[in-house]
């Protein structure tokens, strides 16, 4: 006889984050956006997504996003999660939920 728990075994669904690239970063990676998947049980943060992107796109991406001397995000970049700056959230520790969007924006010039 099956127990109720055995009948309803939950499947792990991946957590998906959509990353949007702009300006010269778009040229560097060769696309406007990319969806990244993580196992459901993983805690996914902005820092973890940037690490994955660094592994995929290599040194050019790392040098564009991170300050060579400090390892911090370049001060001229604006990172938004669902339209909100990560500086107003939890910085690199900002957590994602399935379907969230990370936008990496360069400085905006005017004139």
PDB file of N, CA and C in Angstrom:
ATOM      1  N   UNK A   1       0.832  -1.175   0.000  1.00  0.00           N
ATOM      2  CA  UNK A   1       0.000   0.000   0.000  1.00  0.00           C
ATOM      3  C   UNK A   1       0.893   1.260   0.000  1.00  0.00           C
ATOM      4  N   UNK A   2       0.596   2.189  -0.910  1.00  0.00           N
ATOM      5  CA  UNK A   2       1.353   3.426  -0.999  1.00  0.00           C
ATOM      6  C   UNK A   2       0.864   4.435   0.038  1.00  0.00           C
ATOM      7  N   UNK A   3       1.801   5.162   0.569  1.00  0.00           N
ATOM      8  CA  UNK A   3       1.408   6.228   1.488  1.00  0.00           C
ATOM      9  C   UNK A   3       1.097   7.468   0.676  1.00  0.00           C
ATOM     10  N   UNK A   4       0.393   8.387   1.287  1.00  0.00           N
ATOM     11  CA  UNK A   4       0.045   9.630   0.622  1.00  0.00           C
ATOM     12  C   UNK A   4       1.299  10.386   0.184  1.00  0.00           C
ATOM     13  N   UNK A   5       2.326  10.390   1.024  1.00  0.00           N
ATOM     14  CA  UNK A   5       3.568  11.085   0.698  1.00  0.00           C
ATOM     15  C   UNK A   5       4.222  10.487  -0.543  1.00  0.00           C
ATOM     16  N   UNK A   6       4.179   9.191  -0.705  1.00  0.00           N
ATOM     17  CA  UNK A   6       4.802   8.541  -1.851  1.00  0.00           C
ATOM     18  C   UNK A   6       4.074   8.877  -3.145  1.00  0.00           C
ATOM     19  N   UNK A   7       2.788   9.172  -3.052  1.00  0.00           N
ATOM     20  CA  UNK A   7       2.009   9.484  -4.244  1.00  0.00           C
ATOM     21  C   UNK A   7       2.314  10.888  -4.776  1.00  0.00           C
ATOM     22  N   UNK A   8       2.763  11.758  -3.915  1.00  0.00           N
ATOM     23  CA  UNK A   8       2.986  13.153  -4.297  1.00  0.00           C
ATOM     24  C   UNK A   8       4.443  13.546  -4.154  1.00  0.00           C
ATOM     25  N   UNK A   9       5.300  12.824  -4.817  1.00  0.00           N
ATOM     26  CA  UNK A   9       6.719  13.154  -4.792  1.00  0.00           C
ATOM     27  C   UNK A   9       6.912  14.417  -5.626  1.00  0.00           C
ATOM     28  N   UNK A  10       7.497  15.419  -5.005  1.00  0.00           N
ATOM     29  CA  UNK A  10       7.702  16.678  -5.709  1.00  0.00           C
ATOM     30  C   UNK A  10       8.941  16.603  -6.588  1.00  0.00           C
ATOM     31  N   UNK A  11       8.811  17.154  -7.772  1.00  0.00           N
ATOM     32  CA  UNK A  11       9.958  17.268  -8.657  1.00  0.00           C
ATOM     33  C   UNK A  11      10.613  18.615  -8.409  1.00  0.00           C
ATOM     34  N   UNK A  12      11.932  18.657  -8.501  1.00  0.00           N
ATOM     35  CA  UNK A  12      12.652  19.921  -8.364  1.00  0.00           C
ATOM     36  C   UNK A  12      12.587  20.656  -9.698  1.00  0.00           C
ATOM     37  N   UNK A  13      12.135  21.895  -9.657  1.00  0.00           N
ATOM     38  CA  UNK A  13      12.065  22.715 -10.860  1.00  0.00           C
ATOM     39  C   UNK A  13      13.219  23.686 -10.838  1.00  0.00           C
ATOM     40  N   UNK A  14      13.809  23.956 -11.983  1.00  0.00           N
ATOM     41  CA  UNK A  14      14.928  24.906 -11.993  1.00  0.00           C
ATOM     42  C   UNK A  14      14.436  26.326 -11.731  1.00  0.00           C
ATOM     43  N   UNK A  15      15.310  27.128 -11.179  1.00  0.00           N
ATOM     44  CA  UNK A  15      15.052  28.548 -11.007  1.00  0.00           C
ATOM     45  C   UNK A  15      15.688  29.238 -12.203  1.00  0.00           C
ATOM     46  N   UNK A  16      14.909  30.058 -12.888  1.00  0.00           N
ATOM     47  CA  UNK A  16      15.400  30.716 -14.100  1.00  0.00           C
ATOM     48  C   UNK A  16      15.547  32.220 -13.861  1.00  0.00           C
ATOM     49  N   UNK A  17      16.685  32.753 -14.288  1.00  0.00           N
ATOM     50  CA  UNK A  17      16.941  34.189 -14.224  1.00  0.00           C
ATOM     51  C   UNK A  17      17.222  34.657 -15.649  1.00  0.00           C
ATOM     52  N   UNK A  18      16.526  35.699 -16.062  1.00  0.00           N
ATOM     53  CA  UNK A  18      16.769  36.284 -17.373  1.00  0.00           C
ATOM     54  C   UNK A  18      17.740  37.443 -17.194  1.00  0.00           C
ATOM     55  N   UNK A  19      18.847  37.410 -17.922  1.00  0.00           N
ATOM     56  CA  UNK A  19      19.847  38.476 -17.849  1.00  0.00           C
ATOM     57  C   UNK A  19      19.760  39.275 -19.145  1.00  0.00           C
ATOM     58  N   UNK A  20      19.632  40.600 -19.000  1.00  0.00           N
ATOM     59  CA  UNK A  20      19.567  41.493 -20.158  1.00  0.00           C
ATOM     60  C   UNK A  20      20.863  42.283 -20.245  1.00  0.00           C
ATOM     61  N   UNK A  21      21.460  42.277 -21.439  1.00  0.00           N
ATOM     62  CA  UNK A  21      22.722  42.956 -21.692  1.00  0.00           C
ATOM     63  C   UNK A  21      22.461  44.207 -22.536  1.00  0.00           C
ATOM     64  N   UNK A  22      23.208  45.278 -22.250  1.00  0.00           N
ATOM     65  CA  UNK A  22      23.033  46.536 -22.977  1.00  0.00           C
ATOM     66  C   UNK A  22      24.373  47.070 -23.460  1.00  0.00           C
ATOM     67  N   UNK A  23      24.299  47.874 -24.524  1.00  0.00           N
ATOM     68  CA  UNK A  23      25.438  48.631 -25.073  1.00  0.00           C
ATOM     69  C   UNK A  23      26.646  47.737 -25.354  1.00  0.00           C
ATOM     70  N   UNK A  24      27.841  48.148 -24.890  1.00  0.00           N
ATOM     71  CA  UNK A  24      29.060  47.409 -25.222  1.00  0.00           C
ATOM     72  C   UNK A  24      29.087  46.011 -24.608  1.00  0.00           C
ATOM     73  N   UNK A  25      28.393  45.809 -23.500  1.00  0.00           N
ATOM     74  CA  UNK A  25      28.336  44.453 -22.933  1.00  0.00           C
ATOM     75  C   UNK A  25      27.538  43.536 -23.855  1.00  0.00           C
ATOM     76  N   UNK A  26      26.514  44.070 -24.476  1.00  0.00           N
ATOM     77  CA  UNK A  26      25.732  43.302 -25.453  1.00  0.00           C
ATOM     78  C   UNK A  26      26.635  42.877 -26.610  1.00  0.00           C
ATOM     79  N   UNK A  27      27.483  43.783 -27.060  1.00  0.00           N
ATOM     80  CA  UNK A  27      28.417  43.458 -28.140  1.00  0.00           C
ATOM     81  C   UNK A  27      29.423  42.409 -27.689  1.00  0.00           C
ATOM     82  N   UNK A  28      29.892  42.525 -26.455  1.00  0.00           N
ATOM     83  CA  UNK A  28      30.888  41.597 -25.919  1.00  0.00           C
ATOM     84  C   UNK A  28      30.350  40.160 -25.843  1.00  0.00           C
ATOM     85  N   UNK A  29      29.100  39.998 -25.374  1.00  0.00           N
ATOM     86  CA  UNK A  29      28.545  38.650 -25.224  1.00  0.00           C
ATOM     87  C   UNK A  29      27.833  38.166 -26.483  1.00  0.00           C
ATOM     88  N   UNK A  30      27.523  39.103 -27.388  1.00  0.00           N
ATOM     89  CA  UNK A  30      26.915  38.717 -28.663  1.00  0.00           C
ATOM     90  C   UNK A  30      25.433  38.428 -28.607  1.00  0.00           C
ATOM     91  N   UNK A  31      24.748  38.934 -27.573  1.00  0.00           N
ATOM     92  CA  UNK A  31      23.302  38.724 -27.486  1.00  0.00           C
ATOM     93  C   UNK A  31      22.666  39.773 -26.593  1.00  0.00           C
ATOM     94  N   UNK A  32      21.344  39.924 -26.745  1.00  0.00           N
ATOM     95  CA  UNK A  32      20.599  40.901 -25.951  1.00  0.00           C
ATOM     96  C   UNK A  32      20.246  40.360 -24.575  1.00  0.00           C
ATOM     97  N   UNK A  33      20.010  39.060 -24.513  1.00  0.00           N
ATOM     98  CA  UNK A  33      19.606  38.466 -23.245  1.00  0.00           C
ATOM     99  C   UNK A  33      19.965  36.990 -23.202  1.00  0.00           C
ATOM    100  N   UNK A  34      19.975  36.472 -21.991  1.00  0.00           N
ATOM    101  CA  UNK A  34      20.258  35.053 -21.788  1.00  0.00           C
ATOM    102  C   UNK A  34      19.511  34.580 -20.550  1.00  0.00           C
ATOM    103  N   UNK A  35      18.923  33.407 -20.665  1.00  0.00           N
ATOM    104  CA  UNK A  35      18.262  32.801 -19.515  1.00  0.00           C
ATOM    105  C   UNK A  35      19.212  31.790 -18.885  1.00  0.00           C
ATOM    106  N   UNK A  36      19.397  31.914 -17.576  1.00  0.00           N
ATOM    107  CA  UNK A  36      20.281  31.014 -16.844  1.00  0.00           C
ATOM    108  C   UNK A  36      19.439  30.199 -15.883  1.00  0.00           C
ATOM    109  N   UNK A  37      19.698  28.899 -15.830  1.00  0.00           N
ATOM    110  CA  UNK A  37      18.957  28.019 -14.930  1.00  0.00           C
ATOM    111  C   UNK A  37      19.850  27.508 -13.816  1.00  0.00           C
ATOM    112  N   UNK A  38      19.259  27.422 -12.633  1.00  0.00           N
ATOM    113  CA  UNK A  38      19.925  26.876 -11.452  1.00  0.00           C
ATOM    114  C   UNK A  38      19.010  25.820 -10.840  1.00  0.00           C
ATOM    115  N   UNK A  39      19.588  24.793 -10.192  1.00  0.00           N
ATOM    116  CA  UNK A  39      18.742  23.814  -9.504  1.00  0.00           C
ATOM    117  C   UNK A  39      17.868  24.511  -8.460  1.00  0.00           C
ATOM    118  N   UNK A  40      16.653  24.015  -8.290  1.00  0.00           N
ATOM    119  CA  UNK A  40      15.669  24.631  -7.403  1.00  0.00           C
ATOM    120  C   UNK A  40      16.172  24.802  -5.974  1.00  0.00           C
ATOM    121  N   UNK A  41      16.977  23.881  -5.508  1.00  0.00           N
ATOM    122  CA  UNK A  41      17.410  23.924  -4.120  1.00  0.00           C
ATOM    123  C   UNK A  41      18.515  24.950  -3.880  1.00  0.00           C
ATOM    124  N   UNK A  42      19.061  25.518  -4.952  1.00  0.00           N
ATOM    125  CA  UNK A  42      20.150  26.476  -4.825  1.00  0.00           C
ATOM    126  C   UNK A  42      19.644  27.859  -4.456  1.00  0.00           C
ATOM    127  N   UNK A  43      20.367  28.536  -3.565  1.00  0.00           N
ATOM    128  CA  UNK A  43      20.113  29.951  -3.274  1.00  0.00           C
ATOM    129  C   UNK A  43      20.823  30.737  -4.373  1.00  0.00           C
ATOM    130  N   UNK A  44      20.074  31.487  -5.157  1.00  0.00           N
ATOM    131  CA  UNK A  44      20.645  32.196  -6.291  1.00  0.00           C
ATOM    132  C   UNK A  44      20.654  33.693  -5.987  1.00  0.00           C
ATOM    133  N   UNK A  45      21.845  34.273  -6.053  1.00  0.00           N
ATOM    134  CA  UNK A  45      22.040  35.700  -5.780  1.00  0.00           C
ATOM    135  C   UNK A  45      22.621  36.382  -7.018  1.00  0.00           C
ATOM    136  N   UNK A  46      22.653  37.708  -6.974  1.00  0.00           N
ATOM    137  CA  UNK A  46      23.275  38.479  -8.056  1.00  0.00           C
ATOM    138  C   UNK A  46      24.731  38.044  -8.210  1.00  0.00           C
ATOM    139  N   UNK A  47      25.425  37.881  -7.101  1.00  0.00           N
ATOM    140  CA  UNK A  47      26.819  37.446  -7.157  1.00  0.00           C
ATOM    141  C   UNK A  47      26.990  36.102  -7.841  1.00  0.00           C
ATOM    142  N   UNK A  48      26.079  35.176  -7.562  1.00  0.00           N
ATOM    143  CA  UNK A  48      26.158  33.848  -8.177  1.00  0.00           C
ATOM    144  C   UNK A  48      25.887  33.917  -9.684  1.00  0.00           C
ATOM    145  N   UNK A  49      24.951  34.753 -10.090  1.00  0.00           N
ATOM    146  CA  UNK A  49      24.666  34.907 -11.524  1.00  0.00           C
ATOM    147  C   UNK A  49      25.876  35.526 -12.233  1.00  0.00           C
ATOM    148  N   UNK A  50      26.487  36.543 -11.617  1.00  0.00           N
ATOM    149  CA  UNK A  50      27.669  37.155 -12.227  1.00  0.00           C
ATOM    150  C   UNK A  50      28.824  36.164 -12.310  1.00  0.00           C
ATOM    151  N   UNK A  51      28.953  35.318 -11.318  1.00  0.00           N
ATOM    152  CA  UNK A  51      29.998  34.281 -11.360  1.00  0.00           C
ATOM    153  C   UNK A  51      29.752  33.330 -12.527  1.00  0.00           C
ATOM    154  N   UNK A  52      28.508  32.889 -12.705  1.00  0.00           N
ATOM    155  CA  UNK A  52      28.181  31.991 -13.820  1.00  0.00           C
ATOM    156  C   UNK A  52      28.467  32.676 -15.155  1.00  0.00           C
ATOM    157  N   UNK A  53      28.070  33.938 -15.294  1.00  0.00           N
ATOM    158  CA  UNK A  53      28.333  34.670 -16.534  1.00  0.00           C
ATOM    159  C   UNK A  53      29.830  34.823 -16.774  1.00  0.00           C
ATOM    160  N   UNK A  54      30.594  35.024 -15.714  1.00  0.00           N
ATOM    161  CA  UNK A  54      32.053  35.128 -15.837  1.00  0.00           C
ATOM    162  C   UNK A  54      32.655  33.835 -16.353  1.00  0.00           C
ATOM    163  N   UNK A  55      32.113  32.708 -15.897  1.00  0.00           N
ATOM    164  CA  UNK A  55      32.599  31.403 -16.357  1.00  0.00           C
ATOM    165  C   UNK A  55      32.257  31.185 -17.828  1.00  0.00           C
ATOM    166  N   UNK A  56      31.080  31.630 -18.232  1.00  0.00           N
ATOM    167  CA  UNK A  56      30.637  31.435 -19.617  1.00  0.00           C
ATOM    168  C   UNK A  56      31.377  32.362 -20.580  1.00  0.00           C
ATOM    169  N   UNK A  57      31.514  33.641 -20.211  1.00  0.00           N
ATOM    170  CA  UNK A  57      32.041  34.636 -21.147  1.00  0.00           C
ATOM    171  C   UNK A  57      33.502  34.999 -20.925  1.00  0.00           C
ATOM    172  N   UNK A  58      34.096  34.527 -19.846  1.00  0.00           N
ATOM    173  CA  UNK A  58      35.531  34.650 -19.670  1.00  0.00           C
ATOM    174  C   UNK A  58      36.058  36.026 -19.293  1.00  0.00           C
ATOM    175  N   UNK A  59      37.335  36.193 -19.585  1.00  0.00           N
ATOM    176  CA  UNK A  59      38.103  37.355 -19.125  1.00  0.00           C
ATOM    177  C   UNK A  59      37.523  38.695 -19.581  1.00  0.00           C
ATOM    178  N   UNK A  60      37.071  38.790 -20.824  1.00  0.00           N
ATOM    179  CA  UNK A  60      36.534  40.061 -21.305  1.00  0.00           C
ATOM    180  C   UNK A  60      35.323  40.491 -20.478  1.00  0.00           C
ATOM    181  N   UNK A  61      34.460  39.543 -20.150  1.00  0.00           N
ATOM    182  CA  UNK A  61      33.298  39.851 -19.317  1.00  0.00           C
ATOM    183  C   UNK A  61      33.749  40.292 -17.926  1.00  0.00           C
ATOM    184  N   UNK A  62      34.666  39.546 -17.348  1.00  0.00           N
ATOM    185  CA  UNK A  62      35.163  39.849 -16.001  1.00  0.00           C
ATOM    186  C   UNK A  62      35.758  41.255 -15.961  1.00  0.00           C
ATOM    187  N   UNK A  63      36.565  41.601 -16.950  1.00  0.00           N
ATOM    188  CA  UNK A  63      37.199  42.916 -16.974  1.00  0.00           C
ATOM    189  C   UNK A  63      36.198  44.047 -17.196  1.00  0.00           C
ATOM    190  N   UNK A  64      35.121  43.766 -17.900  1.00  0.00           N
ATOM    191  CA  UNK A  64      34.089  44.784 -18.125  1.00  0.00           C
ATOM    192  C   UNK A  64      33.272  45.024 -16.856  1.00  0.00           C
ATOM    193  N   UNK A  65      32.959  43.962 -16.133  1.00  0.00           N
ATOM    194  CA  UNK A  65      32.046  44.060 -14.988  1.00  0.00           C
ATOM    195  C   UNK A  65      32.766  44.359 -13.676  1.00  0.00           C
ATOM    196  N   UNK A  66      33.954  43.808 -13.482  1.00  0.00           N
ATOM    197  CA  UNK A  66      34.632  43.921 -12.193  1.00  0.00           C
ATOM    198  C   UNK A  66      35.861  44.816 -12.261  1.00  0.00           C
ATOM    199  N   UNK A  67      36.087  45.586 -11.201  1.00  0.00           N
ATOM    200  CA  UNK A  67      37.287  46.403 -11.072  1.00  0.00           C
ATOM    201  C   UNK A  67      38.478  45.477 -10.874  1.00  0.00           C
ATOM    202  N   UNK A  68      39.504  45.635 -11.681  1.00  0.00           N
ATOM    203  CA  UNK A  68      40.676  44.761 -11.653  1.00  0.00           C
ATOM    204  C   UNK A  68      41.381  44.790 -10.297  1.00  0.00           C
ATOM    205  N   UNK A  69      41.449  45.948  -9.661  1.00  0.00           N
ATOM    206  CA  UNK A  69      42.183  46.088  -8.402  1.00  0.00           C
ATOM    207  C   UNK A  69      41.387  45.626  -7.183  1.00  0.00           C
ATOM    208  N   UNK A  70      40.096  45.958  -7.153  1.00  0.00           N
ATOM    209  CA  UNK A  70      39.305  45.666  -5.951  1.00  0.00           C
ATOM    210  C   UNK A  70      38.444  44.414  -6.065  1.00  0.00           C
ATOM    211  N   UNK A  71      38.131  44.012  -7.296  1.00  0.00           N
ATOM    212  CA  UNK A  71      37.233  42.876  -7.490  1.00  0.00           C
ATOM    213  C   UNK A  71      35.767  43.245  -7.334  1.00  0.00           C
ATOM    214  N   UNK A  72      35.493  44.517  -7.037  1.00  0.00           N
ATOM    215  CA  UNK A  72      34.116  44.999  -6.886  1.00  0.00           C
ATOM    216  C   UNK A  72      33.507  45.255  -8.267  1.00  0.00           C
ATOM    217  N   UNK A  73      32.178  45.370  -8.299  1.00  0.00           N
ATOM    218  CA  UNK A  73      31.497  45.741  -9.535  1.00  0.00           C
ATOM    219  C   UNK A  73      31.997  47.129  -9.949  1.00  0.00           C
ATOM    220  N   UNK A  74      32.223  47.311 -11.246  1.00  0.00           N
ATOM    221  CA  UNK A  74      32.654  48.617 -11.743  1.00  0.00           C
ATOM    222  C   UNK A  74      31.654  49.685 -11.280  1.00  0.00           C
ATOM    223  N   UNK A  75      32.164  50.797 -10.793  1.00  0.00           N
ATOM    224  CA  UNK A  75      31.306  51.844 -10.238  1.00  0.00           C
ATOM    225  C   UNK A  75      30.385  52.467 -11.281  1.00  0.00           C
ATOM    226  N   UNK A  76      30.747  52.382 -12.539  1.00  0.00           N
ATOM    227  CA  UNK A  76      29.925  52.990 -13.588  1.00  0.00           C
ATOM    228  C   UNK A  76      28.764  52.100 -14.035  1.00  0.00           C
ATOM    229  N   UNK A  77      28.713  50.854 -13.597  1.00  0.00           N
ATOM    230  CA  UNK A  77      27.629  49.959 -13.999  1.00  0.00           C
ATOM    231  C   UNK A  77      26.448  50.077 -13.048  1.00  0.00           C
ATOM    232  N   UNK A  78      25.267  49.903 -13.606  1.00  0.00           N
ATOM    233  CA  UNK A  78      24.040  49.864 -12.822  1.00  0.00           C
ATOM    234  C   UNK A  78      23.436  48.485 -13.011  1.00  0.00           C
ATOM    235  N   UNK A  79      23.233  47.770 -11.907  1.00  0.00           N
ATOM    236  CA  UNK A  79      22.617  46.450 -11.954  1.00  0.00           C
ATOM    237  C   UNK A  79      21.222  46.547 -11.355  1.00  0.00           C
ATOM    238  N   UNK A  80      20.236  46.121 -12.143  1.00  0.00           N
ATOM    239  CA  UNK A  80      18.841  46.190 -11.716  1.00  0.00           C
ATOM    240  C   UNK A  80      18.245  44.798 -11.637  1.00  0.00           C
ATOM    241  N   UNK A  81      17.518  44.533 -10.573  1.00  0.00           N
ATOM    242  CA  UNK A  81      16.742  43.297 -10.448  1.00  0.00           C
ATOM    243  C   UNK A  81      15.282  43.706 -10.509  1.00  0.00           C
ATOM    244  N   UNK A  82      14.614  43.272 -11.559  1.00  0.00           N
ATOM    245  CA  UNK A  82      13.206  43.631 -11.781  1.00  0.00           C
ATOM    246  C   UNK A  82      13.003  45.147 -11.716  1.00  0.00           C
ATOM    247  N   UNK A  83      13.969  45.892 -12.273  1.00  0.00           N
ATOM    248  CA  UNK A  83      13.858  47.339 -12.351  1.00  0.00           C
ATOM    249  C   UNK A  83      14.334  48.101 -11.129  1.00  0.00           C
ATOM    250  N   UNK A  84      14.811  47.396 -10.102  1.00  0.00           N
ATOM    251  CA  UNK A  84      15.295  48.058  -8.877  1.00  0.00           C
ATOM    252  C   UNK A  84      16.799  47.869  -8.749  1.00  0.00           C
ATOM    253  N   UNK A  85      17.491  48.957  -8.431  1.00  0.00           N
ATOM    254  CA  UNK A  85      18.944  48.903  -8.276  1.00  0.00           C
ATOM    255  C   UNK A  85      19.319  47.964  -7.136  1.00  0.00           C
ATOM    256  N   UNK A  86      20.363  47.161  -7.355  1.00  0.00           N
ATOM    257  CA  UNK A  86      20.784  46.243  -6.288  1.00  0.00           C
ATOM    258  C   UNK A  86      21.310  47.004  -5.084  1.00  0.00           C
ATOM    259  N   UNK A  87      21.711  48.272  -5.266  1.00  0.00           N
ATOM    260  CA  UNK A  87      22.171  49.063  -4.119  1.00  0.00           C
ATOM    261  C   UNK A  87      21.011  49.385  -3.178  1.00  0.00           C
ATOM    262  N   UNK A  88      19.789  49.390  -3.691  1.00  0.00           N
ATOM    263  CA  UNK A  88      18.607  49.615  -2.852  1.00  0.00           C
ATOM    264  C   UNK A  88      18.070  48.307  -2.294  1.00  0.00           C
ATOM    265  N   UNK A  89      18.656  47.197  -2.720  1.00  0.00           N
ATOM    266  CA  UNK A  89      18.231  45.878  -2.250  1.00  0.00           C
ATOM    267  C   UNK A  89      19.318  45.332  -1.331  1.00  0.00           C
ATOM    268  N   UNK A  90      19.839  44.157  -1.643  1.00  0.00           N
ATOM    269  CA  UNK A  90      20.877  43.549  -0.801  1.00  0.00           C
ATOM    270  C   UNK A  90      22.214  43.423  -1.518  1.00  0.00           C
ATOM    271  N   UNK A  91      22.458  44.306  -2.499  1.00  0.00           N
ATOM    272  CA  UNK A  91      23.711  44.264  -3.226  1.00  0.00           C
ATOM    273  C   UNK A  91      23.908  42.934  -3.936  1.00  0.00           C
ATOM    274  N   UNK A  92      25.119  42.416  -3.905  1.00  0.00           N
ATOM    275  CA  UNK A  92      25.424  41.139  -4.570  1.00  0.00           C
ATOM    276  C   UNK A  92      24.714  39.966  -3.908  1.00  0.00           C
ATOM    277  N   UNK A  93      24.213  40.163  -2.699  1.00  0.00           N
ATOM    278  CA  UNK A  93      23.485  39.102  -1.987  1.00  0.00           C
ATOM    279  C   UNK A  93      21.984  39.130  -2.282  1.00  0.00           C
ATOM    280  N   UNK A  94      21.545  40.017  -3.170  1.00  0.00           N
ATOM    281  CA  UNK A  94      20.136  40.065  -3.556  1.00  0.00           C
ATOM    282  C   UNK A  94      19.742  38.721  -4.142  1.00  0.00           C
ATOM    283  N   UNK A  95      18.680  38.126  -3.601  1.00  0.00           N
ATOM    284  CA  UNK A  95      18.241  36.794  -4.028  1.00  0.00           C
ATOM    285  C   UNK A  95      17.234  36.898  -5.168  1.00  0.00           C
ATOM    286  N   UNK A  96      17.281  35.900  -6.034  1.00  0.00           N
ATOM    287  CA  UNK A  96      16.351  35.806  -7.150  1.00  0.00           C
ATOM    288  C   UNK A  96      15.256  34.788  -6.869  1.00  0.00           C
ATOM    289  N   UNK A  97      14.090  35.056  -7.463  1.00  0.00           N
ATOM    290  CA  UNK A  97      13.018  34.080  -7.529  1.00  0.00           C
ATOM    291  C   UNK A  97      12.889  33.692  -9.001  1.00  0.00           C
ATOM    292  N   UNK A  98      12.242  32.586  -9.260  1.00  0.00           N
ATOM    293  CA  UNK A  98      12.088  32.119 -10.630  1.00  0.00           C
ATOM    294  C   UNK A  98      11.438  33.201 -11.494  1.00  0.00           C
ATOM    295  N   UNK A  99      12.063  33.473 -12.631  1.00  0.00           N
ATOM    296  CA  UNK A  99      11.525  34.438 -13.581  1.00  0.00           C
ATOM    297  C   UNK A  99      12.006  35.861 -13.389  1.00  0.00           C
ATOM    298  N   UNK A 100      12.800  36.117 -12.370  1.00  0.00           N
ATOM    299  CA  UNK A 100      13.328  37.465 -12.157  1.00  0.00           C
ATOM    300  C   UNK A 100      14.271  37.868 -13.286  1.00  0.00           C
ATOM    301  N   UNK A 101      14.440  39.190 -13.444  1.00  0.00           N
ATOM    302  CA  UNK A 101      15.273  39.737 -14.511  1.00  0.00           C
ATOM    303  C   UNK A 101      16.411  40.557 -13.910  1.00  0.00           C
ATOM    304  N   UNK A 102      17.623  40.281 -14.366  1.00  0.00           N
ATOM    305  CA  UNK A 102      18.796  41.083 -14.018  1.00  0.00           C
ATOM    306  C   UNK A 102      19.197  41.859 -15.262  1.00  0.00           C
ATOM    307  N   UNK A 103      19.232  43.183 -15.145  1.00  0.00           N
ATOM    308  CA  UNK A 103      19.690  44.036 -16.250  1.00  0.00           C
ATOM    309  C   UNK A 103      21.023  44.639 -15.848  1.00  0.00           C
ATOM    310  N   UNK A 104      22.007  44.568 -16.749  1.00  0.00           N
ATOM    311  CA  UNK A 104      23.326  45.152 -16.519  1.00  0.00           C
ATOM    312  C   UNK A 104      23.457  46.331 -17.479  1.00  0.00           C
ATOM    313  N   UNK A 105      23.445  47.539 -16.888  1.00  0.00           N
ATOM    314  CA  UNK A 105      23.409  48.765 -17.679  1.00  0.00           C
ATOM    315  C   UNK A 105      24.707  49.554 -17.535  1.00  0.00           C
ATOM    316  N   UNK A 106      25.211  50.076 -18.660  1.00  0.00           N
ATOM    317  CA  UNK A 106      26.385  50.948 -18.625  1.00  0.00           C
ATOM    318  C   UNK A 106      25.954  52.353 -18.221  1.00  0.00           C
ATOM    319  N   UNK A 107      26.909  53.252 -18.057  1.00  0.00           N
ATOM    320  CA  UNK A 107      26.535  54.629 -17.741  1.00  0.00           C
ATOM    321  C   UNK A 107      25.728  55.246 -18.889  1.00  0.00           C
ATOM    322  N   UNK A 108      24.859  56.150 -18.523  1.00  0.00           N
ATOM    323  CA  UNK A 108      24.033  56.828 -19.530  1.00  0.00           C
ATOM    324  C   UNK A 108      24.592  58.232 -19.702  1.00  0.00           C
ATOM    325  N   UNK A 109      24.872  58.563 -20.942  1.00  0.00           N
ATOM    326  CA  UNK A 109      25.370  59.904 -21.248  1.00  0.00           C
ATOM    327  C   UNK A 109      24.242  60.753 -21.796  1.00  0.00           C
ATOM    328  N   UNK A 110      24.351  62.023 -21.625  1.00  0.00           N
ATOM    329  CA  UNK A 110      23.314  62.916 -22.142  1.00  0.00           C
ATOM    330  C   UNK A 110      23.955  64.087 -22.869  1.00  0.00           C
ATOM    331  N   UNK A 111      23.115  64.882 -23.399  1.00  0.00           N
ATOM    332  CA  UNK A 111      23.687  66.034 -24.061  1.00  0.00           C
ATOM    333  C   UNK A 111      22.679  66.907 -24.719  1.00  0.00           C
TER     334      UNK A 111
END
